[in-house]
Amino acid sequence: EVKRKEEVTRKEEEPKEPKEEPLMKELQRLSDKFLAVLDTKQQEHDYQLEELRQWWERQGEKQTSMYKEAQAREQEARRREEEARGKLTALETSIMSLQDQNETLHRIMEELELLRAEGRVTRPPSNDEEAEVAKLGEELERLKKHCEDLSRNESWAVKREEEAMRALCSLQRQFTDFLLSLDTDVLESSMRRSAAKSRQSTPGSNLPSATVLRESA
């Protein structure tokens, strides 16, 4: 009986656990769990940011290459266009000259026919004269065909330039879709941290913000 009373007395004298202690433990557990989830999300977005940075570098090089190629094609197309225009102008001048000569020859032939009909000229047109007329007609047709070929070549150059611009627009759309798939707030904070680290390691370098990337896209 004495032992039982001592045990009861000892239990009564032990400090009681505050009622708030279980609640605090639960809050701490939930807080730790939340921080763990947040850290996991942050790691995922850091990984996405690294992918974005590498992708941006690759696309930047690809866009630069495509831009230079498009510029070269555009310059080549303009050069060909100017060259074709010069040739077309020269050909048009030649055609007009040949047409004038052809009309002059036909007029001379008609006048000779009238003079022969009136009895003033008895000699018919020589073979050389008829051959000259035929030769001029053939030359005129050849120049017309050459003009048509030059026009087709000019259209081909314009078509190549349009294809290059369509490829560049497709690449820009892919980049825009990739940016829109990322979380803006977390991406902004991650990019600021990466930009700060990048400035410390390589002064002068900087990553564009997600907003700037989206606006530029």
C-alpha atoms as a PDB file:
ATOM      1  CA  GLU A   1       0.000   0.000   0.000  1.00  0.00           C
ATOM      2  CA  VAL A   2       2.840   2.363   0.811  1.00  0.00           C
ATOM      3  CA  LYS A   3       4.469   1.630  -2.550  1.00  0.00           C
ATOM      4  CA  ARG A   4       1.202   2.278  -4.360  1.00  0.00           C
ATOM      5  CA  LYS A   5       0.793   5.637  -2.623  1.00  0.00           C
ATOM      6  CA  GLU A   6       4.360   6.591  -3.465  1.00  0.00           C
ATOM      7  CA  GLU A   7       3.787   5.705  -7.135  1.00  0.00           C
ATOM      8  CA  VAL A   8       0.634   7.821  -7.251  1.00  0.00           C
ATOM      9  CA  THR A   9       2.419  10.693  -5.548  1.00  0.00           C
ATOM     10  CA  ARG A  10       5.347  10.425  -7.997  1.00  0.00           C
ATOM     11  CA  LYS A  11       3.038  10.516 -11.007  1.00  0.00           C
ATOM     12  CA  GLU A  12       1.221  13.530  -9.614  1.00  0.00           C
ATOM     13  CA  GLU A  13       4.500  15.328  -9.057  1.00  0.00           C
ATOM     14  CA  GLU A  14       5.766  14.648 -12.648  1.00  0.00           C
ATOM     15  CA  PRO A  15       5.413  17.706 -14.926  1.00  0.00           C
ATOM     16  CA  LYS A  16       2.436  17.357 -17.196  1.00  0.00           C
ATOM     17  CA  GLU A  17       2.912  17.730 -20.970  1.00  0.00           C
ATOM     18  CA  PRO A  18       1.313  20.964 -22.153  1.00  0.00           C
ATOM     19  CA  LYS A  19      -1.810  20.566 -24.251  1.00  0.00           C
ATOM     20  CA  GLU A  20      -0.249  22.699 -27.007  1.00  0.00           C
ATOM     21  CA  GLU A  21       2.707  20.327 -27.470  1.00  0.00           C
ATOM     22  CA  PRO A  22       0.938  17.844 -29.826  1.00  0.00           C
ATOM     23  CA  LEU A  23      -0.383  20.728 -31.911  1.00  0.00           C
ATOM     24  CA  MET A  24       3.084  22.243 -32.222  1.00  0.00           C
ATOM     25  CA  LYS A  25       4.537  18.886 -33.229  1.00  0.00           C
ATOM     26  CA  GLU A  26       1.858  18.477 -35.911  1.00  0.00           C
ATOM     27  CA  LEU A  27       2.498  21.990 -37.189  1.00  0.00           C
ATOM     28  CA  GLN A  28       6.223  21.288 -37.300  1.00  0.00           C
ATOM     29  CA  ARG A  29       5.609  18.051 -39.186  1.00  0.00           C
ATOM     30  CA  LEU A  30       3.366  19.782 -41.718  1.00  0.00           C
ATOM     31  CA  SER A  31       5.879  22.602 -42.076  1.00  0.00           C
ATOM     32  CA  ASP A  32       8.711  20.149 -42.735  1.00  0.00           C
ATOM     33  CA  LYS A  33       6.571  18.315 -45.261  1.00  0.00           C
ATOM     34  CA  PHE A  34       5.645  21.556 -47.018  1.00  0.00           C
ATOM     35  CA  LEU A  35       9.288  22.653 -47.163  1.00  0.00           C
ATOM     36  CA  ALA A  36      10.275  19.266 -48.571  1.00  0.00           C
ATOM     37  CA  VAL A  37       7.617  19.540 -51.294  1.00  0.00           C
ATOM     38  CA  LEU A  38       8.652  23.123 -52.022  1.00  0.00           C
ATOM     39  CA  ASP A  39      12.297  22.092 -52.255  1.00  0.00           C
ATOM     40  CA  THR A  40      11.362  19.300 -54.668  1.00  0.00           C
ATOM     41  CA  LYS A  41       9.391  21.749 -56.813  1.00  0.00           C
ATOM     42  CA  GLN A  42      12.287  24.185 -56.718  1.00  0.00           C
ATOM     43  CA  GLN A  43      14.660  21.465 -57.876  1.00  0.00           C
ATOM     44  CA  GLU A  44      12.291  20.597 -60.720  1.00  0.00           C
ATOM     45  CA  HIS A  45      12.121  24.218 -61.830  1.00  0.00           C
ATOM     46  CA  ASP A  46      15.895  24.578 -61.495  1.00  0.00           C
ATOM     47  CA  TYR A  47      16.207  21.599 -63.804  1.00  0.00           C
ATOM     48  CA  GLN A  48      13.733  23.180 -66.218  1.00  0.00           C
ATOM     49  CA  LEU A  49      15.692  26.419 -66.044  1.00  0.00           C
ATOM     50  CA  GLU A  50      18.930  24.625 -66.884  1.00  0.00           C
ATOM     51  CA  GLU A  51      17.187  22.936 -69.802  1.00  0.00           C
ATOM     52  CA  LEU A  52      15.862  26.320 -70.905  1.00  0.00           C
ATOM     53  CA  ARG A  53      19.308  27.873 -70.677  1.00  0.00           C
ATOM     54  CA  GLN A  54      20.896  25.105 -72.754  1.00  0.00           C
ATOM     55  CA  TRP A  55      17.993  25.154 -75.203  1.00  0.00           C
ATOM     56  CA  TRP A  56      18.249  28.940 -75.457  1.00  0.00           C
ATOM     57  CA  GLU A  57      21.957  28.713 -76.251  1.00  0.00           C
ATOM     58  CA  ARG A  58      21.357  26.055 -78.891  1.00  0.00           C
ATOM     59  CA  GLN A  59      18.461  27.952 -80.443  1.00  0.00           C
ATOM     60  CA  GLY A  60      20.451  31.180 -80.302  1.00  0.00           C
ATOM     61  CA  GLU A  61      23.230  29.584 -82.320  1.00  0.00           C
ATOM     62  CA  LYS A  62      20.703  28.019 -84.669  1.00  0.00           C
ATOM     63  CA  GLN A  63      18.787  31.280 -85.087  1.00  0.00           C
ATOM     64  CA  THR A  64      22.022  33.172 -85.707  1.00  0.00           C
ATOM     65  CA  SER A  65      23.019  30.641 -88.340  1.00  0.00           C
ATOM     66  CA  MET A  66      19.569  30.726 -89.945  1.00  0.00           C
ATOM     67  CA  TYR A  67      19.513  34.524 -89.825  1.00  0.00           C
ATOM     68  CA  LYS A  68      22.898  34.754 -91.522  1.00  0.00           C
ATOM     69  CA  GLU A  69      21.806  32.192 -94.087  1.00  0.00           C
ATOM     70  CA  ALA A  70      18.558  34.079 -94.683  1.00  0.00           C
ATOM     71  CA  GLN A  71      20.515  37.321 -95.056  1.00  0.00           C
ATOM     72  CA  ALA A  72      22.872  35.676 -97.536  1.00  0.00           C
ATOM     73  CA  ARG A  73      19.922  34.282 -99.482  1.00  0.00           C
ATOM     74  CA  GLU A  74      18.194  37.635 -99.418  1.00  0.00           C
ATOM     75  CA  GLN A  75      21.322  39.387-100.679  1.00  0.00           C
ATOM     76  CA  GLU A  76      21.770  36.741-103.360  1.00  0.00           C
ATOM     77  CA  ALA A  77      18.106  37.060-104.337  1.00  0.00           C
ATOM     78  CA  ARG A  78      18.435  40.846-104.519  1.00  0.00           C
ATOM     79  CA  ARG A  79      21.618  40.535-106.579  1.00  0.00           C
ATOM     80  CA  ARG A  80      19.909  38.118-108.956  1.00  0.00           C
ATOM     81  CA  GLU A  81      16.866  40.344-109.067  1.00  0.00           C
ATOM     82  CA  GLU A  82      18.977  43.389-109.952  1.00  0.00           C
ATOM     83  CA  GLU A  83      20.906  41.341-112.494  1.00  0.00           C
ATOM     84  CA  ALA A  84      17.680  39.976-113.952  1.00  0.00           C
ATOM     85  CA  ARG A  85      16.197  43.466-114.119  1.00  0.00           C
ATOM     86  CA  GLY A  86      19.289  44.732-115.917  1.00  0.00           C
ATOM     87  CA  LYS A  87      19.121  41.852-118.378  1.00  0.00           C
ATOM     88  CA  LEU A  88      15.388  42.346-118.833  1.00  0.00           C
ATOM     89  CA  THR A  89      15.917  46.037-119.513  1.00  0.00           C
ATOM     90  CA  ALA A  90      18.642  45.243-122.046  1.00  0.00           C
ATOM     91  CA  LEU A  91      16.478  42.555-123.625  1.00  0.00           C
ATOM     92  CA  GLU A  92      13.462  44.829-123.774  1.00  0.00           C
ATOM     93  CA  THR A  93      15.625  47.433-125.501  1.00  0.00           C
ATOM     94  CA  SER A  94      16.917  44.793-127.928  1.00  0.00           C
ATOM     95  CA  ILE A  95      13.400  43.515-128.558  1.00  0.00           C
ATOM     96  CA  MET A  96      12.116  47.007-129.239  1.00  0.00           C
ATOM     97  CA  SER A  97      15.038  47.603-131.595  1.00  0.00           C
ATOM     98  CA  LEU A  98      14.397  44.295-133.373  1.00  0.00           C
ATOM     99  CA  GLN A  99      10.695  45.049-133.581  1.00  0.00           C
ATOM    100  CA  ASP A 100      11.500  48.427-135.134  1.00  0.00           C
ATOM    101  CA  GLN A 101      13.865  46.777-137.598  1.00  0.00           C
ATOM    102  CA  ASN A 102      11.298  44.093-138.358  1.00  0.00           C
ATOM    103  CA  GLU A 103       8.602  46.694-138.962  1.00  0.00           C
ATOM    104  CA  THR A 104      11.008  48.672-141.153  1.00  0.00           C
ATOM    105  CA  LEU A 105      11.814  45.582-143.210  1.00  0.00           C
ATOM    106  CA  HIS A 106       8.149  44.695-143.575  1.00  0.00           C
ATOM    107  CA  ARG A 107       7.409  48.255-144.629  1.00  0.00           C
ATOM    108  CA  ILE A 108      10.231  48.125-147.186  1.00  0.00           C
ATOM    109  CA  MET A 109       8.923  44.799-148.480  1.00  0.00           C
ATOM    110  CA  GLU A 110       5.425  46.255-148.800  1.00  0.00           C
ATOM    111  CA  GLU A 111       6.777  49.292-150.635  1.00  0.00           C
ATOM    112  CA  LEU A 112       8.720  47.015-152.978  1.00  0.00           C
ATOM    113  CA  GLU A 113       5.553  45.024-153.622  1.00  0.00           C
ATOM    114  CA  LEU A 114       3.695  48.256-154.433  1.00  0.00           C
ATOM    115  CA  LEU A 115       6.494  49.450-156.711  1.00  0.00           C
ATOM    116  CA  ARG A 116       6.584  46.076-158.444  1.00  0.00           C
ATOM    117  CA  ALA A 117       2.827  46.212-158.892  1.00  0.00           C
ATOM    118  CA  GLU A 118       3.176  49.650-160.464  1.00  0.00           C
ATOM    119  CA  GLY A 119       5.901  48.310-162.770  1.00  0.00           C
ATOM    120  CA  ARG A 120       8.657  50.439-161.349  1.00  0.00           C
ATOM    121  CA  VAL A 121      10.545  47.491-159.872  1.00  0.00           C
ATOM    122  CA  THR A 122      10.795  44.215-161.696  1.00  0.00           C
ATOM    123  CA  ARG A 123      13.292  42.482-159.403  1.00  0.00           C
ATOM    124  CA  PRO A 124      11.656  40.293-156.728  1.00  0.00           C
ATOM    125  CA  PRO A 125      13.075  40.241-153.197  1.00  0.00           C
ATOM    126  CA  SER A 126      16.356  38.383-153.086  1.00  0.00           C
ATOM    127  CA  ASN A 127      16.906  35.291-151.007  1.00  0.00           C
ATOM    128  CA  ASP A 128      19.304  37.251-148.805  1.00  0.00           C
ATOM    129  CA  GLU A 129      16.635  39.814-147.979  1.00  0.00           C
ATOM    130  CA  GLU A 130      14.065  37.145-147.137  1.00  0.00           C
ATOM    131  CA  ALA A 131      16.649  35.266-145.060  1.00  0.00           C
ATOM    132  CA  GLU A 132      17.449  38.464-143.156  1.00  0.00           C
ATOM    133  CA  VAL A 133      13.775  38.985-142.348  1.00  0.00           C
ATOM    134  CA  ALA A 134      13.430  35.371-141.179  1.00  0.00           C
ATOM    135  CA  LYS A 135      16.595  35.666-139.100  1.00  0.00           C
ATOM    136  CA  LEU A 136      15.317  38.779-137.349  1.00  0.00           C
ATOM    137  CA  GLY A 137      12.017  37.049-136.594  1.00  0.00           C
ATOM    138  CA  GLU A 138      13.830  34.053-135.068  1.00  0.00           C
ATOM    139  CA  GLU A 139      16.046  36.335-132.977  1.00  0.00           C
ATOM    140  CA  LEU A 140      12.964  38.136-131.713  1.00  0.00           C
ATOM    141  CA  GLU A 141      11.345  34.862-130.609  1.00  0.00           C
ATOM    142  CA  ARG A 142      14.584  33.736-128.919  1.00  0.00           C
ATOM    143  CA  LEU A 143      14.799  36.943-126.914  1.00  0.00           C
ATOM    144  CA  LYS A 144      11.161  36.640-125.856  1.00  0.00           C
ATOM    145  CA  LYS A 145      11.816  33.094-124.588  1.00  0.00           C
ATOM    146  CA  HIS A 146      14.919  34.304-122.729  1.00  0.00           C
ATOM    147  CA  CYS A 147      12.822  36.982-120.990  1.00  0.00           C
ATOM    148  CA  GLU A 148      10.342  34.334-119.851  1.00  0.00           C
ATOM    149  CA  ASP A 149      13.205  32.180-118.450  1.00  0.00           C
ATOM    150  CA  LEU A 150      14.601  35.132-116.487  1.00  0.00           C
ATOM    151  CA  SER A 151      11.164  35.853-115.054  1.00  0.00           C
ATOM    152  CA  ARG A 152      10.863  32.243-113.855  1.00  0.00           C
ATOM    153  CA  ASN A 153      14.330  32.385-112.229  1.00  0.00           C
ATOM    154  CA  GLU A 154      13.350  35.531-110.348  1.00  0.00           C
ATOM    155  CA  SER A 155      10.190  33.820-109.053  1.00  0.00           C
ATOM    156  CA  TRP A 156      12.302  30.854-107.883  1.00  0.00           C
ATOM    157  CA  ALA A 157      14.625  33.130-105.862  1.00  0.00           C
ATOM    158  CA  VAL A 158      11.634  34.796-104.175  1.00  0.00           C
ATOM    159  CA  LYS A 159      10.190  31.368-103.328  1.00  0.00           C
ATOM    160  CA  ARG A 160      13.454  30.272-101.644  1.00  0.00           C
ATOM    161  CA  GLU A 161      13.474  33.430 -99.541  1.00  0.00           C
ATOM    162  CA  GLU A 162       9.862  32.800 -98.431  1.00  0.00           C
ATOM    163  CA  GLU A 163      10.758  29.222 -97.408  1.00  0.00           C
ATOM    164  CA  ALA A 164      13.637  30.492 -95.242  1.00  0.00           C
ATOM    165  CA  MET A 165      11.341  33.012 -93.505  1.00  0.00           C
ATOM    166  CA  ARG A 166       8.719  30.302 -92.841  1.00  0.00           C
ATOM    167  CA  ALA A 167      11.386  28.074 -91.232  1.00  0.00           C
ATOM    168  CA  LEU A 168      12.523  30.959 -89.006  1.00  0.00           C
ATOM    169  CA  CYS A 169       8.914  31.719 -87.933  1.00  0.00           C
ATOM    170  CA  SER A 170       8.370  28.025 -87.085  1.00  0.00           C
ATOM    171  CA  LEU A 171      11.449  28.043 -84.848  1.00  0.00           C
ATOM    172  CA  GLN A 172      10.229  31.170 -83.054  1.00  0.00           C
ATOM    173  CA  ARG A 173       6.796  29.557 -82.467  1.00  0.00           C
ATOM    174  CA  GLN A 174       8.467  26.489 -80.908  1.00  0.00           C
ATOM    175  CA  PHE A 175      10.440  28.722 -78.542  1.00  0.00           C
ATOM    176  CA  THR A 176       7.274  30.644 -77.568  1.00  0.00           C
ATOM    177  CA  ASP A 177       5.378  27.404 -76.820  1.00  0.00           C
ATOM    178  CA  PHE A 178       8.244  26.208 -74.614  1.00  0.00           C
ATOM    179  CA  LEU A 179       8.263  29.457 -72.624  1.00  0.00           C
ATOM    180  CA  LEU A 180       4.492  29.388 -72.094  1.00  0.00           C
ATOM    181  CA  SER A 181       4.737  25.858 -70.649  1.00  0.00           C
ATOM    182  CA  LEU A 182       6.879  27.070 -67.718  1.00  0.00           C
ATOM    183  CA  ASP A 183       5.656  28.534 -64.413  1.00  0.00           C
ATOM    184  CA  THR A 184       6.289  32.295 -64.554  1.00  0.00           C
ATOM    185  CA  ASP A 185       6.893  33.110 -60.868  1.00  0.00           C
ATOM    186  CA  VAL A 186       9.189  30.201 -60.087  1.00  0.00           C
ATOM    187  CA  LEU A 187      10.947  30.646 -63.419  1.00  0.00           C
ATOM    188  CA  GLU A 188      11.569  34.332 -62.680  1.00  0.00           C
ATOM    189  CA  SER A 189      13.082  33.606 -59.248  1.00  0.00           C
ATOM    190  CA  SER A 190      15.187  30.738 -60.584  1.00  0.00           C
ATOM    191  CA  MET A 191      16.443  32.816 -63.485  1.00  0.00           C
ATOM    192  CA  ARG A 192      17.388  35.669 -61.148  1.00  0.00           C
ATOM    193  CA  ARG A 193      19.440  33.272 -59.015  1.00  0.00           C
ATOM    194  CA  SER A 194      21.074  31.752 -62.081  1.00  0.00           C
ATOM    195  CA  ALA A 195      21.784  35.219 -63.463  1.00  0.00           C
ATOM    196  CA  ALA A 196      23.414  36.216 -60.156  1.00  0.00           C
ATOM    197  CA  LYS A 197      25.559  33.074 -60.172  1.00  0.00           C
ATOM    198  CA  SER A 198      26.429  33.657 -63.812  1.00  0.00           C
ATOM    199  CA  ARG A 199      27.494  37.245 -63.111  1.00  0.00           C
ATOM    200  CA  GLN A 200      29.732  36.045 -60.268  1.00  0.00           C
ATOM    201  CA  SER A 201      31.382  33.367 -62.420  1.00  0.00           C
ATOM    202  CA  THR A 202      31.474  35.256 -65.736  1.00  0.00           C
ATOM    203  CA  PRO A 203      31.172  39.056 -65.341  1.00  0.00           C
ATOM    204  CA  GLY A 204      29.107  40.738 -67.980  1.00  0.00           C
ATOM    205  CA  SER A 205      26.950  37.701 -68.753  1.00  0.00           C
ATOM    206  CA  ASN A 206      23.257  37.751 -67.941  1.00  0.00           C
ATOM    207  CA  LEU A 207      20.165  35.692 -68.671  1.00  0.00           C
ATOM    208  CA  PRO A 208      17.033  37.419 -69.913  1.00  0.00           C
ATOM    209  CA  SER A 209      13.978  37.389 -67.674  1.00  0.00           C
ATOM    210  CA  ALA A 210      11.044  35.143 -68.495  1.00  0.00           C
ATOM    211  CA  THR A 211       8.916  38.235 -69.183  1.00  0.00           C
ATOM    212  CA  VAL A 212      11.503  39.570 -71.620  1.00  0.00           C
ATOM    213  CA  LEU A 213      11.779  36.165 -73.246  1.00  0.00           C
ATOM    214  CA  ARG A 214       8.023  35.932 -73.654  1.00  0.00           C
ATOM    215  CA  GLU A 215       7.749  39.505 -74.972  1.00  0.00           C
ATOM    216  CA  SER A 216      10.600  38.970 -77.411  1.00  0.00           C
ATOM    217  CA  ALA A 217       9.026  35.683 -78.523  1.00  0.00           C
END
